[in-house]
Amino acid sequence: MNNLEAKKEQNQKMMRWFQQNRRQLLKNYPDQYVAYNENGIIGHSENLQDILKIVEEAGLKNHYCVYLVPRNSRYVQILPMYFR
């Protein structure tokens, strides 16, 4: 398996984790940023800078997603992510 295929597989695992746990996120973390990967939640906070610091301290440079959990589940807001 080459590097591109491995990254694609990791991304698919993260999406599966998100789909399986979306209701829990909506229930437990409304109006918060949640960083996660295929293994679960890395951290959560109402402040995006706090989340980025948590991820940096965990040593997960490029292998995570950040989701802003909406206050209610009637809408979804997707934020663009830029990696350095």
Protein backbone atom coordinates (compact mmCIF):
# COMPACT_ATOMS: atom_id res chain seq x y z
CA MET A 1 0.00 0.00 0.00
CA ASN A 2 1.48 3.36 -0.98
CA ASN A 3 1.33 6.56 1.06
CA LEU A 4 -1.64 8.01 -0.85
CA GLU A 5 -3.68 4.82 -0.37
CA ALA A 6 -2.81 4.76 3.34
CA LYS A 7 -3.97 8.37 3.78
CA LYS A 8 -7.17 7.63 1.88
CA GLU A 9 -7.85 4.65 4.15
CA GLN A 10 -7.21 6.77 7.27
CA ASN A 11 -9.60 9.43 5.99
CA GLN A 12 -12.28 6.82 5.36
CA LYS A 13 -11.84 5.48 8.90
CA MET A 14 -12.20 9.00 10.32
CA MET A 15 -15.41 9.53 8.34
CA ARG A 16 -16.80 6.19 9.56
CA TRP A 17 -15.98 7.13 13.15
CA PHE A 18 -17.71 10.49 12.68
CA GLN A 19 -20.82 8.92 11.17
CA GLN A 20 -21.04 6.36 13.99
CA ASN A 21 -20.59 8.98 16.73
CA ARG A 22 -22.32 12.06 15.33
CA ARG A 23 -25.33 11.81 17.64
CA GLN A 24 -23.07 11.56 20.68
CA LEU A 25 -21.18 14.67 19.53
CA LEU A 26 -24.42 16.60 19.06
CA LYS A 27 -25.65 15.55 22.51
CA ASN A 28 -22.45 16.04 24.51
CA TYR A 29 -20.54 18.87 22.81
CA PRO A 30 -22.97 21.49 21.43
CA ASP A 31 -21.31 24.73 20.26
CA GLN A 32 -17.81 23.29 20.81
CA TYR A 33 -14.93 22.37 18.56
CA VAL A 34 -14.10 18.67 18.66
CA ALA A 35 -10.81 17.27 17.33
CA TYR A 36 -10.95 13.59 16.42
CA ASN A 37 -9.38 10.88 14.33
CA GLU A 38 -10.33 7.26 13.62
CA ASN A 39 -9.48 6.31 17.22
CA GLY A 40 -11.86 8.81 18.82
CA ILE A 41 -11.94 12.25 20.35
CA ILE A 42 -8.60 13.95 20.88
CA GLY A 43 -10.04 16.98 22.67
CA HIS A 44 -12.87 19.50 22.76
CA SER A 45 -13.25 23.17 23.65
CA GLU A 46 -15.29 26.26 22.85
CA ASN A 47 -12.03 27.87 21.65
CA LEU A 48 -10.41 26.71 18.41
CA GLN A 49 -6.95 27.82 19.54
CA ASP A 50 -7.24 25.53 22.57
CA ILE A 51 -8.05 22.57 20.31
CA LEU A 52 -5.11 23.26 18.04
CA LYS A 53 -2.82 23.40 21.09
CA ILE A 54 -4.20 20.07 22.39
CA VAL A 55 -3.61 18.42 19.01
CA GLU A 56 -0.09 19.84 18.78
CA GLU A 57 0.75 18.58 22.28
CA ALA A 58 -0.58 15.14 21.34
CA GLY A 59 1.84 15.05 18.39
CA LEU A 60 -0.85 14.57 15.74
CA LYS A 61 0.33 17.04 13.09
CA ASN A 62 -1.80 16.18 10.05
CA HIS A 63 -3.94 13.24 11.03
CA TYR A 64 -7.10 14.65 12.59
CA CYS A 65 -10.29 16.56 11.86
CA VAL A 66 -11.89 19.45 13.70
CA TYR A 67 -15.68 19.63 13.79
CA LEU A 68 -17.67 22.56 15.12
CA VAL A 69 -20.67 20.89 16.71
CA PRO A 70 -23.79 22.95 16.01
CA ARG A 71 -25.99 24.21 18.83
CA ASN A 72 -28.87 22.28 17.36
CA SER A 73 -28.91 19.48 14.83
CA ARG A 74 -30.95 21.23 12.17
CA TYR A 75 -27.90 22.57 10.38
CA VAL A 76 -24.30 21.58 9.77
CA GLN A 77 -21.44 24.02 9.41
CA ILE A 78 -18.27 22.79 7.72
CA LEU A 79 -15.17 24.86 8.29
CA PRO A 80 -12.18 24.82 5.92
CA MET A 81 -8.97 23.48 7.43
CA TYR A 82 -5.52 24.66 6.38
CA PHE A 83 -2.39 22.74 7.37
CA ARG A 84 1.02 24.33 7.68
